[in-house]
Amino acid sequence: MKIDILTLFPGMFDGFKNESIIKRAIEKKKVEINIIDIRDYTPYKNNQVDDYQFGGGGGMIMMCEPVFNAVNSVKTKDSHIIIMSPRGKTFNQSKALELTGYKHLIIICGHYEGFDERIYTLADECISIGNFILTGGELPSMMISDAVIRLIDGVITDTSLEYESFNDNLLDYPVYTKPREYNGMMVPDVLLSGDHKKIKEYRESERKRITREYRSDLLK
């Protein structure tokens, strides 16, 4: 998979690309991530990418020409273009799985007061990460990329994915490691029994219990 992220602040992605699972996925050539600086594609002097809005109003608006130019520089017939925007549907695990089906994702990060409305004509879809406002689309684009990349075959083990939170609308089961007892809190005996059937039953029961307790909305 190839992911091109269009942004005004490419330096924000240095740590994202160079740590942990994302770094290993890039090294294993499971994914190619390119950070595209929108400022490189502006036709205006002094790298201008924003301006005041017609009709008045607070804040600066991202201009359409630099964004169109940046998208056209990387777009192919396989591209699926995403705009990070509050008007999009809320991102979830099923959407992450759906996005793994594309060969090429282009993610456009907004900033300032918003996009020139014409920029939305570029998008195949808009995605939001929740009902709150951030200073830009950079952090959401990293979150979406991370959620998608880890689902690509070979990035992490299949067993790590099998009982993850949100599979079957259930949260993950509780996990423990050494020591067996800490401050009076014990590892459940069933996990030490070696009985794989009972362990599986316990974990499935705990997934349902934890979901009811913490995220009962998922069960609806």
N, C-alpha and C. Protein backbone atom coordinates (compact mmCIF):
# COMPACT_ATOMS: atom_id res chain seq x y z
N MET A 1 0.84 -1.20 0.00
CA MET A 1 0.00 0.00 0.00
C MET A 1 0.87 1.25 0.00
N LYS A 2 0.37 2.29 -0.64
CA LYS A 2 1.04 3.58 -0.65
C LYS A 2 0.12 4.61 -0.02
N ILE A 3 0.67 5.42 0.89
CA ILE A 3 -0.10 6.48 1.54
C ILE A 3 0.63 7.80 1.33
N ASP A 4 -0.03 8.75 0.69
CA ASP A 4 0.50 10.09 0.53
C ASP A 4 -0.32 11.02 1.43
N ILE A 5 0.37 11.73 2.32
CA ILE A 5 -0.31 12.65 3.24
C ILE A 5 0.09 14.06 2.87
N LEU A 6 -0.93 14.89 2.56
CA LEU A 6 -0.70 16.27 2.15
C LEU A 6 -0.90 17.18 3.35
N THR A 7 0.11 17.98 3.66
CA THR A 7 0.10 18.77 4.88
C THR A 7 0.89 20.06 4.71
N LEU A 8 0.62 21.01 5.58
CA LEU A 8 1.42 22.24 5.64
C LEU A 8 2.54 22.12 6.66
N PHE A 9 2.56 21.02 7.42
CA PHE A 9 3.53 20.85 8.50
C PHE A 9 4.17 19.46 8.45
N PRO A 10 5.00 19.21 7.47
CA PRO A 10 5.58 17.87 7.29
C PRO A 10 6.44 17.41 8.46
N GLY A 11 7.03 18.34 9.20
CA GLY A 11 7.86 17.94 10.33
C GLY A 11 7.12 17.19 11.41
N MET A 12 5.80 17.35 11.46
CA MET A 12 5.02 16.65 12.47
C MET A 12 5.05 15.14 12.30
N PHE A 13 5.44 14.67 11.12
CA PHE A 13 5.36 13.23 10.82
C PHE A 13 6.70 12.50 11.02
N ASP A 14 7.74 13.22 11.44
CA ASP A 14 9.05 12.59 11.57
C ASP A 14 9.03 11.42 12.55
N GLY A 15 8.50 11.65 13.73
CA GLY A 15 8.43 10.57 14.72
C GLY A 15 7.49 9.46 14.31
N PHE A 16 6.38 9.82 13.69
CA PHE A 16 5.38 8.83 13.25
C PHE A 16 5.99 7.80 12.32
N LYS A 17 6.80 8.24 11.37
CA LYS A 17 7.37 7.34 10.37
C LYS A 17 8.60 6.58 10.87
N ASN A 18 9.18 7.03 11.96
CA ASN A 18 10.48 6.49 12.35
C ASN A 18 10.49 5.77 13.69
N GLU A 19 9.33 5.32 14.12
CA GLU A 19 9.24 4.59 15.38
C GLU A 19 8.34 3.37 15.24
N SER A 20 8.64 2.36 16.02
CA SER A 20 7.74 1.25 16.30
C SER A 20 7.25 0.51 15.05
N ILE A 21 6.00 0.11 15.06
CA ILE A 21 5.43 -0.76 14.03
C ILE A 21 5.42 -0.08 12.67
N ILE A 22 5.17 1.22 12.63
CA ILE A 22 5.13 1.93 11.34
C ILE A 22 6.51 1.89 10.69
N LYS A 23 7.54 2.13 11.46
CA LYS A 23 8.91 2.07 10.92
C LYS A 23 9.21 0.69 10.36
N ARG A 24 8.85 -0.35 11.10
CA ARG A 24 9.13 -1.71 10.64
C ARG A 24 8.32 -2.05 9.39
N ALA A 25 7.09 -1.57 9.32
CA ALA A 25 6.26 -1.82 8.13
C ALA A 25 6.88 -1.17 6.90
N ILE A 26 7.44 0.01 7.07
CA ILE A 26 8.11 0.69 5.95
C ILE A 26 9.36 -0.08 5.55
N GLU A 27 10.14 -0.51 6.53
CA GLU A 27 11.38 -1.25 6.25
C GLU A 27 11.09 -2.58 5.56
N LYS A 28 9.98 -3.21 5.91
CA LYS A 28 9.59 -4.48 5.30
C LYS A 28 8.87 -4.29 3.96
N LYS A 29 8.74 -3.02 3.56
CA LYS A 29 8.08 -2.66 2.29
C LYS A 29 6.63 -3.10 2.23
N LYS A 30 5.99 -3.13 3.41
CA LYS A 30 4.56 -3.39 3.46
C LYS A 30 3.76 -2.13 3.13
N VAL A 31 4.38 -0.97 3.36
CA VAL A 31 3.72 0.29 3.09
C VAL A 31 4.77 1.33 2.71
N GLU A 32 4.37 2.23 1.84
CA GLU A 32 5.18 3.39 1.48
C GLU A 32 4.42 4.63 1.92
N ILE A 33 5.06 5.46 2.74
CA ILE A 33 4.41 6.68 3.23
C ILE A 33 5.20 7.88 2.74
N ASN A 34 4.51 8.77 2.04
CA ASN A 34 5.13 10.00 1.56
C ASN A 34 4.42 11.19 2.18
N ILE A 35 5.20 12.11 2.71
CA ILE A 35 4.64 13.33 3.29
C ILE A 35 4.85 14.46 2.29
N ILE A 36 3.75 14.99 1.77
CA ILE A 36 3.78 15.99 0.71
C ILE A 36 3.53 17.38 1.32
N ASP A 37 4.49 18.28 1.14
CA ASP A 37 4.36 19.65 1.65
C ASP A 37 3.55 20.47 0.65
N ILE A 38 2.36 20.87 1.04
CA ILE A 38 1.47 21.61 0.15
C ILE A 38 2.11 22.93 -0.29
N ARG A 39 2.95 23.49 0.55
CA ARG A 39 3.59 24.76 0.21
C ARG A 39 4.46 24.65 -1.04
N ASP A 40 4.94 23.46 -1.33
CA ASP A 40 5.78 23.27 -2.52
C ASP A 40 4.99 23.44 -3.82
N TYR A 41 3.66 23.49 -3.72
CA TYR A 41 2.82 23.49 -4.92
C TYR A 41 2.01 24.77 -5.07
N THR A 42 2.35 25.79 -4.29
CA THR A 42 1.60 27.04 -4.42
C THR A 42 2.15 27.88 -5.57
N PRO A 43 1.28 28.53 -6.35
CA PRO A 43 1.74 29.43 -7.41
C PRO A 43 1.97 30.85 -6.89
N TYR A 44 1.74 31.08 -5.60
CA TYR A 44 1.80 32.42 -5.05
C TYR A 44 3.16 32.72 -4.43
N LYS A 45 3.46 33.99 -4.30
CA LYS A 45 4.73 34.43 -3.73
C LYS A 45 4.80 34.08 -2.24
N ASN A 46 6.02 33.95 -1.76
CA ASN A 46 6.28 33.72 -0.33
C ASN A 46 5.60 32.45 0.19
N ASN A 47 5.42 31.45 -0.72
CA ASN A 47 4.82 30.17 -0.34
C ASN A 47 3.43 30.32 0.29
N GLN A 48 2.67 31.29 -0.14
CA GLN A 48 1.34 31.52 0.42
C GLN A 48 0.41 30.36 0.12
N VAL A 49 -0.29 29.89 1.15
CA VAL A 49 -1.24 28.77 1.00
C VAL A 49 -2.60 29.09 1.62
N ASP A 50 -2.74 30.27 2.23
CA ASP A 50 -3.99 30.62 2.88
C ASP A 50 -4.29 32.09 2.66
N ASP A 51 -5.55 32.46 2.85
CA ASP A 51 -5.94 33.85 2.67
C ASP A 51 -7.25 34.10 3.41
N TYR A 52 -7.63 35.38 3.49
CA TYR A 52 -8.90 35.74 4.13
C TYR A 52 -10.07 35.24 3.28
N GLN A 53 -11.18 34.98 3.94
CA GLN A 53 -12.34 34.45 3.23
C GLN A 53 -13.19 35.57 2.65
N PHE A 54 -13.74 35.32 1.46
CA PHE A 54 -14.69 36.26 0.86
C PHE A 54 -15.93 36.36 1.74
N GLY A 55 -16.44 37.56 1.87
CA GLY A 55 -17.65 37.77 2.67
C GLY A 55 -17.36 38.10 4.11
N GLY A 56 -16.06 38.04 4.49
CA GLY A 56 -15.69 38.36 5.86
C GLY A 56 -15.81 37.16 6.79
N GLY A 57 -15.20 37.29 7.94
CA GLY A 57 -15.22 36.19 8.91
C GLY A 57 -13.82 35.97 9.48
N GLY A 58 -13.77 35.35 10.63
CA GLY A 58 -12.50 35.15 11.31
C GLY A 58 -11.70 34.00 10.72
N GLY A 59 -10.39 34.10 10.85
CA GLY A 59 -9.51 33.00 10.48
C GLY A 59 -9.13 33.00 9.02
N MET A 60 -8.03 32.27 8.76
CA MET A 60 -7.51 32.15 7.40
C MET A 60 -7.98 30.83 6.78
N ILE A 61 -8.17 30.84 5.46
CA ILE A 61 -8.71 29.69 4.74
C ILE A 61 -7.63 29.11 3.83
N MET A 62 -7.50 27.80 3.79
CA MET A 62 -6.57 27.16 2.87
C MET A 62 -7.05 27.35 1.43
N MET A 63 -6.17 27.84 0.58
CA MET A 63 -6.50 28.14 -0.81
C MET A 63 -6.59 26.86 -1.64
N CYS A 64 -7.42 26.89 -2.67
CA CYS A 64 -7.65 25.67 -3.43
C CYS A 64 -6.50 25.32 -4.37
N GLU A 65 -5.85 26.31 -5.00
CA GLU A 65 -4.84 26.00 -6.01
C GLU A 65 -3.68 25.15 -5.49
N PRO A 66 -3.07 25.51 -4.34
CA PRO A 66 -1.97 24.67 -3.86
C PRO A 66 -2.38 23.23 -3.58
N VAL A 67 -3.60 23.05 -3.06
CA VAL A 67 -4.06 21.70 -2.73
C VAL A 67 -4.34 20.91 -4.00
N PHE A 68 -5.00 21.52 -4.96
CA PHE A 68 -5.26 20.85 -6.24
C PHE A 68 -3.95 20.44 -6.90
N ASN A 69 -2.98 21.35 -6.90
CA ASN A 69 -1.69 21.05 -7.52
C ASN A 69 -0.98 19.89 -6.82
N ALA A 70 -1.04 19.88 -5.49
CA ALA A 70 -0.38 18.81 -4.73
C ALA A 70 -1.04 17.46 -4.99
N VAL A 71 -2.38 17.45 -5.00
CA VAL A 71 -3.10 16.20 -5.27
C VAL A 71 -2.79 15.70 -6.68
N ASN A 72 -2.84 16.58 -7.65
CA ASN A 72 -2.60 16.16 -9.03
C ASN A 72 -1.18 15.64 -9.25
N SER A 73 -0.25 16.05 -8.40
CA SER A 73 1.13 15.59 -8.54
C SER A 73 1.32 14.14 -8.14
N VAL A 74 0.39 13.60 -7.34
CA VAL A 74 0.54 12.23 -6.84
C VAL A 74 -0.63 11.32 -7.21
N LYS A 75 -1.72 11.88 -7.70
CA LYS A 75 -2.91 11.09 -7.99
C LYS A 75 -2.70 10.13 -9.15
N THR A 76 -3.22 8.91 -9.01
CA THR A 76 -3.22 7.91 -10.08
C THR A 76 -4.62 7.30 -10.18
N LYS A 77 -4.79 6.37 -11.08
CA LYS A 77 -6.09 5.72 -11.24
C LYS A 77 -6.45 4.87 -10.02
N ASP A 78 -5.45 4.53 -9.21
CA ASP A 78 -5.70 3.70 -8.02
C ASP A 78 -5.93 4.52 -6.76
N SER A 79 -5.88 5.84 -6.87
CA SER A 79 -5.94 6.69 -5.68
C SER A 79 -7.34 6.77 -5.08
N HIS A 80 -7.38 6.75 -3.75
CA HIS A 80 -8.61 7.00 -3.00
C HIS A 80 -8.30 8.20 -2.12
N ILE A 81 -9.02 9.31 -2.34
CA ILE A 81 -8.67 10.58 -1.71
C ILE A 81 -9.58 10.85 -0.52
N ILE A 82 -8.95 11.12 0.63
CA ILE A 82 -9.65 11.35 1.89
C ILE A 82 -9.34 12.76 2.38
N ILE A 83 -10.36 13.48 2.79
CA ILE A 83 -10.16 14.75 3.46
C ILE A 83 -10.53 14.58 4.93
N MET A 84 -9.63 15.00 5.82
CA MET A 84 -9.93 15.00 7.24
C MET A 84 -10.81 16.21 7.53
N SER A 85 -12.05 15.95 7.98
CA SER A 85 -13.00 17.04 8.14
C SER A 85 -14.08 16.66 9.14
N PRO A 86 -14.56 17.63 9.94
CA PRO A 86 -15.66 17.36 10.86
C PRO A 86 -16.94 16.92 10.14
N ARG A 87 -17.06 17.22 8.85
CA ARG A 87 -18.28 16.83 8.14
C ARG A 87 -18.27 15.35 7.74
N GLY A 88 -17.15 14.67 7.95
CA GLY A 88 -17.06 13.27 7.58
C GLY A 88 -17.69 12.34 8.61
N LYS A 89 -17.92 11.11 8.21
CA LYS A 89 -18.39 10.10 9.14
C LYS A 89 -17.27 9.73 10.11
N THR A 90 -17.65 9.33 11.32
CA THR A 90 -16.66 9.04 12.35
C THR A 90 -15.90 7.75 12.03
N PHE A 91 -14.59 7.83 12.09
CA PHE A 91 -13.72 6.70 11.79
C PHE A 91 -13.91 5.59 12.83
N ASN A 92 -13.87 4.33 12.35
CA ASN A 92 -13.94 3.18 13.26
C ASN A 92 -13.15 2.01 12.66
N GLN A 93 -13.16 0.89 13.37
CA GLN A 93 -12.35 -0.25 12.96
C GLN A 93 -12.81 -0.84 11.62
N SER A 94 -14.10 -0.84 11.38
CA SER A 94 -14.58 -1.39 10.11
C SER A 94 -14.14 -0.51 8.95
N LYS A 95 -14.08 0.80 9.15
CA LYS A 95 -13.58 1.69 8.11
C LYS A 95 -12.08 1.46 7.89
N ALA A 96 -11.34 1.23 8.96
CA ALA A 96 -9.91 0.92 8.81
C ALA A 96 -9.72 -0.32 7.95
N LEU A 97 -10.51 -1.35 8.22
CA LEU A 97 -10.42 -2.58 7.43
C LEU A 97 -10.80 -2.32 5.98
N GLU A 98 -11.82 -1.52 5.75
CA GLU A 98 -12.24 -1.19 4.39
C GLU A 98 -11.12 -0.49 3.62
N LEU A 99 -10.41 0.42 4.28
CA LEU A 99 -9.37 1.19 3.61
C LEU A 99 -8.15 0.35 3.23
N THR A 100 -7.98 -0.81 3.87
CA THR A 100 -6.88 -1.68 3.47
C THR A 100 -7.08 -2.24 2.06
N GLY A 101 -8.28 -2.11 1.53
CA GLY A 101 -8.57 -2.62 0.19
C GLY A 101 -8.08 -1.71 -0.93
N TYR A 102 -7.58 -0.53 -0.58
CA TYR A 102 -7.09 0.40 -1.60
C TYR A 102 -5.57 0.30 -1.74
N LYS A 103 -5.10 0.44 -2.96
CA LYS A 103 -3.66 0.41 -3.21
C LYS A 103 -2.99 1.73 -2.83
N HIS A 104 -3.74 2.80 -2.96
CA HIS A 104 -3.15 4.13 -2.78
C HIS A 104 -4.13 5.05 -2.07
N LEU A 105 -3.75 5.53 -0.89
CA LEU A 105 -4.55 6.50 -0.16
C LEU A 105 -3.86 7.86 -0.23
N ILE A 106 -4.64 8.88 -0.51
CA ILE A 106 -4.18 10.26 -0.41
C ILE A 106 -5.00 10.91 0.69
N ILE A 107 -4.34 11.41 1.73
CA ILE A 107 -5.02 12.02 2.86
C ILE A 107 -4.66 13.50 2.90
N ILE A 108 -5.66 14.36 2.85
CA ILE A 108 -5.46 15.80 2.85
C ILE A 108 -5.74 16.35 4.25
N CYS A 109 -4.75 17.02 4.82
CA CYS A 109 -4.87 17.57 6.17
C CYS A 109 -5.20 19.05 6.09
N GLY A 110 -6.29 19.45 6.71
CA GLY A 110 -6.63 20.85 6.78
C GLY A 110 -5.88 21.55 7.90
N HIS A 111 -5.98 22.86 7.89
CA HIS A 111 -5.39 23.67 8.96
C HIS A 111 -6.07 25.04 8.93
N TYR A 112 -5.72 25.88 9.89
CA TYR A 112 -6.31 27.21 9.99
C TYR A 112 -7.83 27.08 10.17
N GLU A 113 -8.60 27.94 9.49
CA GLU A 113 -10.04 27.98 9.72
C GLU A 113 -10.81 26.98 8.86
N GLY A 114 -10.13 26.38 7.88
CA GLY A 114 -10.81 25.38 7.05
C GLY A 114 -10.36 25.45 5.61
N PHE A 115 -11.05 24.65 4.77
CA PHE A 115 -10.73 24.56 3.35
C PHE A 115 -11.59 25.52 2.53
N ASP A 116 -11.02 26.06 1.46
CA ASP A 116 -11.84 26.60 0.37
C ASP A 116 -12.79 25.47 -0.06
N GLU A 117 -14.07 25.76 -0.14
CA GLU A 117 -15.08 24.73 -0.38
C GLU A 117 -14.78 23.89 -1.62
N ARG A 118 -14.12 24.46 -2.61
CA ARG A 118 -13.84 23.73 -3.85
C ARG A 118 -12.89 22.57 -3.65
N ILE A 119 -12.12 22.58 -2.56
CA ILE A 119 -11.20 21.49 -2.28
C ILE A 119 -11.96 20.19 -2.04
N TYR A 120 -13.18 20.31 -1.52
CA TYR A 120 -13.96 19.10 -1.23
C TYR A 120 -14.31 18.32 -2.50
N THR A 121 -14.26 18.97 -3.64
CA THR A 121 -14.57 18.24 -4.88
C THR A 121 -13.51 17.21 -5.22
N LEU A 122 -12.35 17.31 -4.59
CA LEU A 122 -11.28 16.34 -4.81
C LEU A 122 -11.54 15.02 -4.10
N ALA A 123 -12.34 15.04 -3.04
CA ALA A 123 -12.42 13.92 -2.11
C ALA A 123 -13.34 12.80 -2.59
N ASP A 124 -12.88 11.57 -2.38
CA ASP A 124 -13.75 10.41 -2.51
C ASP A 124 -14.59 10.24 -1.25
N GLU A 125 -14.04 10.69 -0.12
CA GLU A 125 -14.80 10.68 1.12
C GLU A 125 -14.13 11.60 2.14
N CYS A 126 -14.94 12.05 3.10
CA CYS A 126 -14.44 12.80 4.24
C CYS A 126 -14.50 11.89 5.46
N ILE A 127 -13.51 12.04 6.34
CA ILE A 127 -13.48 11.24 7.57
C ILE A 127 -13.20 12.15 8.75
N SER A 128 -13.93 11.90 9.84
CA SER A 128 -13.72 12.59 11.11
C SER A 128 -13.27 11.56 12.15
N ILE A 129 -12.53 12.01 13.16
CA ILE A 129 -12.18 11.08 14.24
C ILE A 129 -13.00 11.34 15.50
N GLY A 130 -13.94 12.28 15.43
CA GLY A 130 -14.79 12.51 16.59
C GLY A 130 -15.35 13.92 16.61
N ASN A 131 -16.25 14.16 17.54
CA ASN A 131 -16.95 15.43 17.62
C ASN A 131 -16.18 16.43 18.48
N PHE A 132 -14.99 16.77 18.00
CA PHE A 132 -14.17 17.79 18.66
C PHE A 132 -13.27 18.40 17.60
N ILE A 133 -12.69 19.56 17.91
CA ILE A 133 -11.90 20.29 16.93
C ILE A 133 -10.42 20.29 17.33
N LEU A 134 -9.56 19.99 16.36
CA LEU A 134 -8.11 20.07 16.54
C LEU A 134 -7.58 21.21 15.70
N THR A 135 -6.30 21.53 15.88
CA THR A 135 -5.71 22.61 15.11
C THR A 135 -5.47 22.23 13.65
N GLY A 136 -5.50 20.96 13.34
CA GLY A 136 -5.29 20.54 11.96
C GLY A 136 -5.55 19.06 11.80
N GLY A 137 -5.45 18.59 10.56
CA GLY A 137 -5.73 17.19 10.26
C GLY A 137 -4.54 16.27 10.39
N GLU A 138 -3.40 16.78 10.86
CA GLU A 138 -2.19 15.95 10.91
C GLU A 138 -2.32 14.79 11.89
N LEU A 139 -2.72 15.07 13.11
CA LEU A 139 -2.86 13.98 14.09
C LEU A 139 -3.91 12.96 13.65
N PRO A 140 -5.10 13.39 13.20
CA PRO A 140 -6.06 12.40 12.70
C PRO A 140 -5.52 11.57 11.54
N SER A 141 -4.75 12.17 10.64
CA SER A 141 -4.21 11.41 9.51
C SER A 141 -3.25 10.34 9.98
N MET A 142 -2.49 10.64 11.04
CA MET A 142 -1.59 9.63 11.61
C MET A 142 -2.39 8.50 12.25
N MET A 143 -3.46 8.84 12.94
CA MET A 143 -4.28 7.83 13.59
C MET A 143 -4.90 6.88 12.57
N ILE A 144 -5.44 7.45 11.50
CA ILE A 144 -6.04 6.61 10.46
C ILE A 144 -4.98 5.75 9.79
N SER A 145 -3.84 6.34 9.46
CA SER A 145 -2.78 5.58 8.81
C SER A 145 -2.31 4.44 9.70
N ASP A 146 -2.14 4.70 10.99
CA ASP A 146 -1.70 3.67 11.93
C ASP A 146 -2.72 2.53 11.99
N ALA A 147 -4.01 2.89 12.11
CA ALA A 147 -5.05 1.87 12.20
C ALA A 147 -5.11 1.00 10.96
N VAL A 148 -4.87 1.60 9.79
CA VAL A 148 -4.92 0.86 8.53
C VAL A 148 -3.67 0.00 8.35
N ILE A 149 -2.51 0.58 8.59
CA ILE A 149 -1.24 -0.12 8.34
C ILE A 149 -1.13 -1.38 9.16
N ARG A 150 -1.55 -1.34 10.42
CA ARG A 150 -1.40 -2.51 11.27
C ARG A 150 -2.29 -3.68 10.83
N LEU A 151 -3.27 -3.40 9.96
CA LEU A 151 -4.14 -4.46 9.44
C LEU A 151 -3.61 -5.07 8.15
N ILE A 152 -2.56 -4.49 7.58
CA ILE A 152 -1.99 -5.03 6.35
C ILE A 152 -1.30 -6.36 6.65
N ASP A 153 -1.52 -7.35 5.79
CA ASP A 153 -0.93 -8.67 6.00
C ASP A 153 0.58 -8.57 6.21
N GLY A 154 1.03 -9.20 7.29
CA GLY A 154 2.46 -9.26 7.55
C GLY A 154 3.02 -8.16 8.40
N VAL A 155 2.21 -7.13 8.72
CA VAL A 155 2.71 -6.04 9.55
C VAL A 155 2.79 -6.47 11.01
N ILE A 156 1.72 -7.09 11.52
CA ILE A 156 1.76 -7.72 12.83
C ILE A 156 1.17 -9.11 12.69
N THR A 157 1.32 -9.94 13.71
CA THR A 157 0.90 -11.33 13.61
C THR A 157 -0.62 -11.44 13.62
N ASP A 158 -1.12 -12.48 12.95
CA ASP A 158 -2.56 -12.71 12.89
C ASP A 158 -3.15 -12.94 14.27
N THR A 159 -2.39 -13.59 15.16
CA THR A 159 -2.92 -13.86 16.50
C THR A 159 -3.10 -12.59 17.29
N SER A 160 -2.30 -11.56 17.02
CA SER A 160 -2.47 -10.28 17.70
C SER A 160 -3.76 -9.59 17.28
N LEU A 161 -4.21 -9.86 16.06
CA LEU A 161 -5.41 -9.22 15.53
C LEU A 161 -6.70 -9.95 15.89
N GLU A 162 -6.58 -11.23 16.25
CA GLU A 162 -7.77 -12.09 16.32
C GLU A 162 -8.80 -11.60 17.32
N TYR A 163 -8.39 -11.22 18.53
CA TYR A 163 -9.36 -10.83 19.56
C TYR A 163 -9.20 -9.36 19.96
N GLU A 164 -8.86 -8.52 19.04
CA GLU A 164 -8.69 -7.11 19.36
C GLU A 164 -10.02 -6.45 19.69
N SER A 165 -9.91 -5.31 20.39
CA SER A 165 -11.11 -4.53 20.66
C SER A 165 -11.80 -4.13 19.36
N PHE A 166 -13.14 -4.14 19.41
CA PHE A 166 -14.04 -3.75 18.34
C PHE A 166 -14.27 -4.85 17.32
N ASN A 167 -13.52 -5.96 17.36
CA ASN A 167 -13.91 -7.11 16.56
C ASN A 167 -15.21 -7.64 17.16
N ASP A 168 -16.20 -7.90 16.35
CA ASP A 168 -17.52 -8.35 16.81
C ASP A 168 -18.17 -7.36 17.77
N ASN A 169 -17.79 -6.07 17.68
CA ASN A 169 -18.32 -5.04 18.58
C ASN A 169 -18.07 -5.33 20.05
N LEU A 170 -16.96 -6.00 20.34
CA LEU A 170 -16.58 -6.28 21.72
C LEU A 170 -15.18 -5.72 21.98
N LEU A 171 -14.95 -5.32 23.23
CA LEU A 171 -13.61 -4.89 23.62
C LEU A 171 -12.72 -6.11 23.86
N ASP A 172 -11.43 -5.86 24.00
CA ASP A 172 -10.48 -6.95 24.20
C ASP A 172 -10.61 -7.51 25.62
N TYR A 173 -10.18 -8.76 25.79
CA TYR A 173 -10.19 -9.39 27.12
C TYR A 173 -9.01 -8.87 27.95
N PRO A 174 -9.06 -8.99 29.29
CA PRO A 174 -7.96 -8.54 30.15
C PRO A 174 -6.75 -9.45 30.00
N VAL A 175 -5.58 -8.87 30.08
CA VAL A 175 -4.34 -9.64 29.97
C VAL A 175 -3.45 -9.37 31.18
N TYR A 176 -2.59 -10.35 31.50
CA TYR A 176 -1.72 -10.27 32.67
C TYR A 176 -0.33 -10.79 32.31
N THR A 177 0.65 -10.37 33.10
CA THR A 177 1.99 -10.93 33.00
C THR A 177 2.60 -10.96 34.40
N LYS A 178 3.88 -11.23 34.52
CA LYS A 178 4.53 -11.33 35.84
C LYS A 178 4.43 -10.01 36.59
N PRO A 179 4.32 -10.07 37.94
CA PRO A 179 4.26 -11.25 38.80
C PRO A 179 2.84 -11.81 38.92
N ARG A 180 2.72 -13.03 39.43
CA ARG A 180 1.41 -13.66 39.57
C ARG A 180 0.56 -12.94 40.63
N GLU A 181 1.24 -12.33 41.62
CA GLU A 181 0.53 -11.57 42.65
C GLU A 181 1.22 -10.24 42.83
N TYR A 182 0.43 -9.15 42.88
CA TYR A 182 0.99 -7.83 43.12
C TYR A 182 0.02 -7.03 43.97
N ASN A 183 0.49 -6.62 45.16
CA ASN A 183 -0.34 -5.84 46.10
C ASN A 183 -1.69 -6.50 46.34
N GLY A 184 -1.67 -7.83 46.46
CA GLY A 184 -2.90 -8.57 46.73
C GLY A 184 -3.74 -8.85 45.50
N MET A 185 -3.34 -8.37 44.35
CA MET A 185 -4.09 -8.61 43.11
C MET A 185 -3.49 -9.80 42.39
N MET A 186 -4.33 -10.81 42.13
CA MET A 186 -3.87 -12.08 41.60
C MET A 186 -4.22 -12.24 40.12
N VAL A 187 -3.35 -12.94 39.41
CA VAL A 187 -3.68 -13.39 38.06
C VAL A 187 -4.75 -14.48 38.18
N PRO A 188 -5.84 -14.41 37.41
CA PRO A 188 -6.89 -15.44 37.49
C PRO A 188 -6.32 -16.85 37.29
N ASP A 189 -6.76 -17.78 38.14
CA ASP A 189 -6.24 -19.15 38.10
C ASP A 189 -6.41 -19.80 36.74
N VAL A 190 -7.51 -19.50 36.06
CA VAL A 190 -7.78 -20.17 34.79
C VAL A 190 -6.66 -19.91 33.78
N LEU A 191 -6.02 -18.74 33.84
CA LEU A 191 -4.96 -18.42 32.89
C LEU A 191 -3.68 -19.20 33.17
N LEU A 192 -3.61 -19.77 34.35
CA LEU A 192 -2.44 -20.58 34.72
C LEU A 192 -2.72 -22.07 34.64
N SER A 193 -3.92 -22.43 34.23
CA SER A 193 -4.36 -23.83 34.26
C SER A 193 -3.80 -24.68 33.12
N GLY A 194 -3.46 -24.04 32.01
CA GLY A 194 -3.02 -24.80 30.83
C GLY A 194 -4.17 -25.40 30.04
N ASP A 195 -5.39 -25.18 30.50
CA ASP A 195 -6.58 -25.70 29.82
C ASP A 195 -7.02 -24.67 28.78
N HIS A 196 -6.67 -24.88 27.52
CA HIS A 196 -6.90 -23.88 26.49
C HIS A 196 -8.38 -23.66 26.20
N LYS A 197 -9.19 -24.69 26.37
CA LYS A 197 -10.63 -24.54 26.16
C LYS A 197 -11.22 -23.61 27.21
N LYS A 198 -10.84 -23.83 28.48
CA LYS A 198 -11.36 -22.98 29.55
C LYS A 198 -10.83 -21.55 29.43
N ILE A 199 -9.58 -21.41 29.01
CA ILE A 199 -9.01 -20.07 28.82
C ILE A 199 -9.77 -19.32 27.74
N LYS A 200 -10.08 -20.00 26.66
CA LYS A 200 -10.83 -19.36 25.57
C LYS A 200 -12.21 -18.94 26.04
N GLU A 201 -12.89 -19.82 26.79
CA GLU A 201 -14.21 -19.50 27.30
C GLU A 201 -14.16 -18.32 28.26
N TYR A 202 -13.14 -18.31 29.14
CA TYR A 202 -12.96 -17.21 30.09
C TYR A 202 -12.76 -15.88 29.36
N ARG A 203 -11.91 -15.90 28.37
CA ARG A 203 -11.61 -14.65 27.64
C ARG A 203 -12.84 -14.13 26.89
N GLU A 204 -13.60 -15.02 26.30
CA GLU A 204 -14.80 -14.60 25.59
C GLU A 204 -15.82 -14.00 26.57
N SER A 205 -15.95 -14.64 27.75
CA SER A 205 -16.86 -14.13 28.76
C SER A 205 -16.41 -12.75 29.25
N GLU A 206 -15.10 -12.58 29.42
CA GLU A 206 -14.57 -11.31 29.89
C GLU A 206 -14.72 -10.20 28.85
N ARG A 207 -14.62 -10.54 27.58
CA ARG A 207 -14.84 -9.53 26.54
C ARG A 207 -16.25 -8.96 26.65
N LYS A 208 -17.22 -9.83 26.87
CA LYS A 208 -18.60 -9.38 26.99
C LYS A 208 -18.80 -8.56 28.27
N ARG A 209 -18.18 -9.02 29.37
CA ARG A 209 -18.33 -8.30 30.64
C ARG A 209 -17.73 -6.90 30.54
N ILE A 210 -16.53 -6.79 29.99
CA ILE A 210 -15.84 -5.50 29.91
C ILE A 210 -16.59 -4.55 28.97
N THR A 211 -17.12 -5.10 27.88
CA THR A 211 -17.88 -4.26 26.96
C THR A 211 -19.14 -3.73 27.61
N ARG A 212 -19.85 -4.58 28.35
CA ARG A 212 -21.04 -4.13 29.07
C ARG A 212 -20.69 -3.04 30.08
N GLU A 213 -19.56 -3.21 30.77
CA GLU A 213 -19.18 -2.29 31.83
C GLU A 213 -18.69 -0.95 31.32
N TYR A 214 -17.88 -0.97 30.24
CA TYR A 214 -17.23 0.24 29.78
C TYR A 214 -17.83 0.85 28.52
N ARG A 215 -18.35 0.04 27.63
CA ARG A 215 -18.85 0.53 26.35
C ARG A 215 -20.13 -0.19 25.97
N SER A 216 -21.14 -0.05 26.79
CA SER A 216 -22.40 -0.75 26.52
C SER A 216 -23.04 -0.29 25.22
N ASP A 217 -22.64 0.91 24.73
CA ASP A 217 -23.18 1.40 23.48
C ASP A 217 -22.82 0.49 22.32
N LEU A 218 -21.70 -0.22 22.41
CA LEU A 218 -21.28 -1.13 21.33
C LEU A 218 -22.22 -2.31 21.20
N LEU A 219 -22.87 -2.68 22.29
CA LEU A 219 -23.76 -3.85 22.27
C LEU A 219 -25.11 -3.53 21.64
N LYS A 220 -25.39 -2.23 21.45
CA LYS A 220 -26.67 -1.84 20.85
C LYS A 220 -26.64 -1.97 19.34
